[in-house]
Amino acid sequence: MKKIWQFIFKKRADIKQETVRRTVLSFSVFTCCVLAGCVIMYGISHAPEDRSMKRPLRIVSNVNEKIFSSLSDTGHLVKTYPVSKAVKKVRVNGNIGMSSDFDAAKWKLRVLKSNGDTLFLTLDEIKALPKTEIVFDFKCIEGWSQVTHWAGVRFSDFIHKYDLDTEANMNYTGLITPDKAYYVGIDRESMIHPQTLLCYEMNGKPLPLDQGYPLRLIIPVKYGIKHLKRIGTIYFKNDKPADYWAEQGYDYYSGH
């Protein structure tokens, strides 16, 4: 009986000792993690900024973008729907670049060519190209989406019509509103995607002013922040053009 009690007491002592050991170890690991987190946060908060984001966070964002863009298939076609599925009341996703003093009668699309020339195109000239319609699920980074109906000219058709193949082979396309308040940069593969449109109609009618009249970008492989409304200027670059929301810390690629 005595040996049994000795065994029980020894077992309890061993358990207590192991419990203390594990507690000390856990607390030590926790303390190290907290200290490491504080050091990292201090380093980030005191790091210089890179386009409105602390440089370490911008580096991580750029790495994430490269990984995501390399895995994403920009050649795939976004799912489309019958026109009957399109909403009648289309939500407006932002109004930056939509100045109230805009004079539509004086509007012409400016296209900057690599040789220094500039094309000035009217809406009628753009509408003379083959018309393409698309009904797709327009997705916003705010978390909402709508099945919407748009029509316009394929950007790839526009490129061929105006002999812009050299420009389109550059890595990026930049688009700017007439007031220069909003601007986006789009990677080449997404811009020449067969579903990317220079759009002038919504639900079978001319674009409303708040949806980008007279011409906007519809690019189904991207989130709404890339669908620039009221295009004023289009240009082409091999390095990344300025992008409004990327400068605020959002992903430059913004694809889905």
Protein backbone atom coordinates (compact mmCIF):
# COMPACT_ATOMS: atom_id res chain seq x y z
CA MET A 1 0.00 0.00 0.00
CA LYS A 2 2.88 2.31 0.90
CA LYS A 3 4.48 1.79 -2.50
CA ILE A 4 1.19 2.64 -4.20
CA TRP A 5 0.94 5.97 -2.38
CA GLN A 6 4.57 6.74 -3.15
CA PHE A 7 3.87 6.09 -6.82
CA ILE A 8 0.80 8.36 -6.75
CA PHE A 9 2.68 11.19 -5.00
CA LYS A 10 5.59 10.88 -7.43
CA LYS A 11 3.20 10.95 -10.39
CA ARG A 12 1.52 14.07 -9.04
CA ALA A 13 4.89 15.74 -8.53
CA ASP A 14 5.94 14.86 -12.06
CA ILE A 15 2.68 16.27 -13.44
CA LYS A 16 3.09 19.47 -11.41
CA GLN A 17 6.68 19.86 -12.58
CA GLU A 18 5.66 19.30 -16.21
CA THR A 19 2.81 21.80 -15.84
CA VAL A 20 5.19 24.44 -14.46
CA ARG A 21 7.68 23.74 -17.26
CA ARG A 22 5.05 24.08 -19.96
CA THR A 23 3.62 27.23 -18.36
CA VAL A 24 7.03 28.88 -18.22
CA LEU A 25 7.75 27.84 -21.80
CA SER A 26 4.38 29.13 -23.07
CA PHE A 27 4.78 32.42 -21.22
CA SER A 28 8.31 32.81 -22.61
CA VAL A 29 7.16 32.17 -26.17
CA PHE A 30 4.23 34.56 -25.71
CA THR A 31 6.53 37.27 -24.32
CA CYS A 32 8.97 36.83 -27.24
CA CYS A 33 6.10 37.08 -29.73
CA VAL A 34 4.78 40.26 -28.10
CA LEU A 35 8.24 41.83 -28.08
CA ALA A 36 8.85 40.81 -31.70
CA GLY A 37 5.45 42.26 -32.67
CA CYS A 38 6.26 45.53 -30.90
CA VAL A 39 9.63 45.75 -32.67
CA ILE A 40 8.00 45.05 -36.07
CA MET A 41 5.21 47.58 -35.48
CA TYR A 42 7.73 50.19 -34.34
CA GLY A 43 9.81 49.54 -37.46
CA ILE A 44 6.79 49.81 -39.75
CA SER A 45 5.40 52.95 -38.11
CA HIS A 46 8.77 54.73 -38.42
CA ALA A 47 9.54 53.53 -41.96
CA PRO A 48 9.37 56.03 -44.86
CA GLU A 49 6.27 56.03 -47.04
CA ASP A 50 6.02 54.67 -50.56
CA ARG A 51 2.92 55.96 -52.39
CA SER A 52 0.86 56.62 -49.22
CA MET A 53 1.87 53.29 -47.64
CA LYS A 54 4.69 52.46 -45.27
CA ARG A 55 7.54 50.98 -47.31
CA PRO A 56 7.55 47.49 -45.65
CA LEU A 57 3.80 47.18 -46.29
CA ARG A 58 4.26 48.37 -49.87
CA ILE A 59 6.94 45.70 -50.41
CA VAL A 60 4.58 43.00 -49.12
CA SER A 61 1.77 44.39 -51.28
CA ASN A 62 3.99 44.30 -54.37
CA VAL A 63 5.00 40.70 -53.66
CA ASN A 64 1.36 39.69 -53.20
CA GLU A 65 0.48 41.43 -56.46
CA LYS A 66 3.20 39.59 -58.39
CA ILE A 67 2.13 36.23 -56.98
CA PHE A 68 -1.56 36.83 -57.64
CA SER A 69 -1.06 38.22 -61.14
CA SER A 70 1.17 35.28 -62.08
CA LEU A 71 -1.47 32.79 -60.92
CA SER A 72 -4.46 34.62 -62.40
CA ASP A 73 -5.53 33.67 -65.91
CA THR A 74 -6.39 36.96 -67.62
CA GLY A 75 -7.30 35.01 -70.74
CA HIS A 76 -10.36 33.42 -69.18
CA LEU A 77 -13.80 34.77 -70.05
CA VAL A 78 -15.90 36.18 -67.24
CA LYS A 79 -19.29 34.51 -66.86
CA THR A 80 -22.02 36.34 -68.79
CA TYR A 81 -25.80 36.45 -68.33
CA PRO A 82 -28.90 37.08 -70.44
CA VAL A 83 -30.01 40.70 -70.63
CA SER A 84 -33.11 39.81 -68.60
CA LYS A 85 -30.87 39.24 -65.55
CA ALA A 86 -29.40 42.75 -65.62
CA VAL A 87 -30.55 45.21 -62.95
CA LYS A 88 -32.48 48.28 -64.09
CA LYS A 89 -31.05 50.57 -61.41
CA VAL A 90 -27.27 50.38 -61.64
CA ARG A 91 -25.34 51.38 -58.57
CA VAL A 92 -22.77 54.18 -58.93
CA ASN A 93 -19.38 53.14 -57.57
CA GLY A 94 -17.81 56.50 -56.76
CA ASN A 95 -17.75 59.95 -58.34
CA ILE A 96 -14.08 60.98 -58.23
CA GLY A 97 -13.13 62.60 -61.53
CA MET A 98 -16.74 63.44 -62.38
CA SER A 99 -16.48 67.23 -62.27
CA SER A 100 -19.80 69.08 -62.43
CA ASP A 101 -18.40 71.66 -64.89
CA PHE A 102 -17.76 69.01 -67.57
CA ASP A 103 -18.79 70.14 -71.07
CA ALA A 104 -19.77 67.03 -73.03
CA ALA A 105 -20.14 69.03 -76.24
CA LYS A 106 -16.41 69.76 -76.26
CA TRP A 107 -15.32 66.24 -75.30
CA LYS A 108 -12.89 64.31 -77.48
CA LEU A 109 -10.89 61.24 -76.51
CA ARG A 110 -7.13 61.93 -76.45
CA VAL A 111 -4.89 58.98 -77.30
CA LEU A 112 -1.17 59.58 -76.84
CA LYS A 113 0.98 57.62 -79.29
CA SER A 114 4.52 56.44 -78.68
CA ASN A 115 5.88 58.58 -81.55
CA GLY A 116 4.62 61.76 -79.90
CA ASP A 117 1.46 62.12 -81.99
CA THR A 118 -1.95 62.55 -80.37
CA LEU A 119 -5.24 61.23 -81.70
CA PHE A 120 -8.40 63.22 -81.00
CA LEU A 121 -11.51 61.08 -81.50
CA THR A 122 -15.19 61.96 -81.24
CA LEU A 123 -17.78 59.64 -79.78
CA ASP A 124 -19.29 59.12 -83.24
CA GLU A 125 -15.93 57.96 -84.57
CA ILE A 126 -15.66 55.45 -81.75
CA LYS A 127 -19.24 54.27 -82.23
CA ALA A 128 -18.48 53.59 -85.91
CA LEU A 129 -16.53 50.51 -84.80
CA PRO A 130 -18.34 47.17 -84.27
CA LYS A 131 -20.56 47.29 -81.20
CA THR A 132 -20.15 44.66 -78.48
CA GLU A 133 -22.52 44.04 -75.58
CA ILE A 134 -21.81 42.31 -72.29
CA VAL A 135 -23.91 41.39 -69.26
CA PHE A 136 -21.74 40.38 -66.31
CA ASP A 137 -21.48 40.54 -62.53
CA PHE A 138 -19.88 43.92 -61.79
CA LYS A 139 -17.92 43.55 -58.54
CA CYS A 140 -16.91 46.30 -56.15
CA ILE A 141 -14.15 46.07 -53.54
CA GLU A 142 -16.72 47.37 -51.02
CA GLY A 143 -18.28 43.91 -51.13
CA TRP A 144 -21.33 44.37 -53.37
CA SER A 145 -21.96 43.16 -56.91
CA GLN A 146 -24.64 43.60 -59.59
CA VAL A 147 -25.38 41.91 -62.88
CA THR A 148 -25.19 44.84 -65.30
CA HIS A 149 -25.63 45.39 -69.05
CA TRP A 150 -23.10 47.45 -71.02
CA ALA A 151 -22.22 48.10 -74.67
CA GLY A 152 -19.33 49.68 -76.52
CA VAL A 153 -16.23 48.90 -78.55
CA ARG A 154 -13.75 46.17 -77.72
CA PHE A 155 -10.49 47.81 -76.79
CA SER A 156 -8.71 45.25 -78.96
CA ASP A 157 -10.81 46.37 -81.97
CA PHE A 158 -10.09 50.01 -81.13
CA ILE A 159 -6.35 49.27 -81.07
CA HIS A 160 -6.38 47.66 -84.50
CA LYS A 161 -8.58 50.35 -86.05
CA TYR A 162 -6.25 53.17 -85.08
CA ASP A 163 -2.93 51.35 -85.63
CA LEU A 164 -2.03 51.28 -81.95
CA ASP A 165 -0.57 47.77 -81.91
CA THR A 166 2.91 49.08 -81.01
CA GLU A 167 1.45 51.00 -78.07
CA ALA A 168 -0.72 48.07 -76.98
CA ASN A 169 2.37 45.86 -76.78
CA MET A 170 3.68 48.00 -73.95
CA ASN A 171 3.24 46.58 -70.46
CA TYR A 172 0.55 49.00 -69.26
CA THR A 173 -2.22 51.32 -70.40
CA GLY A 174 -3.04 54.45 -68.42
CA LEU A 175 -6.42 56.21 -68.42
CA ILE A 176 -7.22 59.64 -66.98
CA THR A 177 -10.46 61.58 -66.52
CA PRO A 178 -10.74 64.98 -68.27
CA ASP A 179 -10.29 66.80 -64.95
CA LYS A 180 -7.26 64.59 -64.13
CA ALA A 181 -8.74 63.83 -60.70
CA TYR A 182 -9.01 60.08 -61.30
CA TYR A 183 -6.58 57.79 -63.08
CA VAL A 184 -5.84 54.09 -63.39
CA GLY A 185 -3.14 51.83 -64.76
CA ILE A 186 -4.06 48.51 -66.40
CA ASP A 187 -1.76 45.62 -67.28
CA ARG A 188 -1.54 44.75 -71.00
CA GLU A 189 -3.17 41.30 -70.77
CA SER A 190 -6.25 42.68 -69.02
CA MET A 191 -6.56 45.70 -71.31
CA ILE A 192 -6.58 43.65 -74.53
CA HIS A 193 -8.86 41.03 -72.98
CA PRO A 194 -11.76 40.32 -75.40
CA GLN A 195 -14.33 41.49 -72.83
CA THR A 196 -12.69 44.86 -72.14
CA LEU A 197 -14.79 47.67 -73.61
CA LEU A 198 -14.63 51.37 -74.28
CA CYS A 199 -18.24 51.64 -73.20
CA TYR A 200 -20.85 54.22 -74.28
CA GLU A 201 -24.15 52.49 -73.38
CA MET A 202 -25.77 51.12 -70.24
CA ASN A 203 -29.02 49.13 -70.41
CA GLY A 204 -29.36 49.95 -74.12
CA LYS A 205 -29.16 53.73 -73.61
CA PRO A 206 -26.35 56.31 -73.61
CA LEU A 207 -24.39 56.34 -70.37
CA PRO A 208 -25.84 58.62 -67.68
CA LEU A 209 -23.50 61.41 -66.55
CA ASP A 210 -22.90 59.70 -63.19
CA GLN A 211 -21.91 56.49 -64.99
CA GLY A 212 -19.22 58.15 -67.08
CA TYR A 213 -20.88 59.75 -70.11
CA PRO A 214 -19.76 59.91 -72.86
CA LEU A 215 -17.21 57.05 -72.57
CA ARG A 216 -16.01 54.82 -69.75
CA LEU A 217 -13.97 51.68 -69.27
CA ILE A 218 -15.67 48.35 -68.63
CA ILE A 219 -13.12 45.69 -67.73
CA PRO A 220 -14.85 42.61 -66.27
CA VAL A 221 -11.65 40.91 -65.04
CA LYS A 222 -11.09 43.81 -62.60
CA TYR A 223 -12.89 45.21 -59.58
CA GLY A 224 -14.90 48.42 -59.94
CA ILE A 225 -12.06 50.77 -58.95
CA LYS A 226 -10.39 50.02 -62.30
CA HIS A 227 -13.51 50.77 -64.42
CA LEU A 228 -12.61 54.41 -64.96
CA LYS A 229 -15.60 56.61 -65.77
CA ARG A 230 -15.46 59.50 -68.28
CA ILE A 231 -12.24 58.71 -70.11
CA GLY A 232 -10.33 61.82 -71.15
CA THR A 233 -6.90 60.48 -72.06
CA ILE A 234 -5.43 57.08 -72.89
CA TYR A 235 -1.67 56.51 -72.95
CA PHE A 236 0.75 53.57 -72.87
CA LYS A 237 3.86 52.79 -70.81
CA ASN A 238 6.25 49.94 -70.03
CA ASP A 239 6.44 50.89 -66.36
CA LYS A 240 3.41 51.27 -64.11
CA PRO A 241 1.30 54.38 -64.76
CA ALA A 242 -0.06 56.33 -61.82
CA ASP A 243 -3.11 54.70 -60.23
CA TYR A 244 -5.40 56.58 -57.83
CA TRP A 245 -6.28 53.76 -55.45
CA ALA A 246 -2.87 52.08 -55.59
CA GLU A 247 -1.54 55.36 -54.21
CA GLN A 248 -3.97 54.95 -51.31
CA GLY A 249 -2.61 51.50 -50.52
CA TYR A 250 -4.88 49.27 -52.62
CA ASP A 251 -3.60 46.43 -54.79
CA TYR A 252 -2.45 47.77 -58.16
CA TYR A 253 -3.65 44.65 -59.99
CA SER A 254 -7.17 44.64 -58.43
CA GLY A 255 -8.29 41.61 -60.43
CA HIS A 256 -10.70 38.87 -59.41
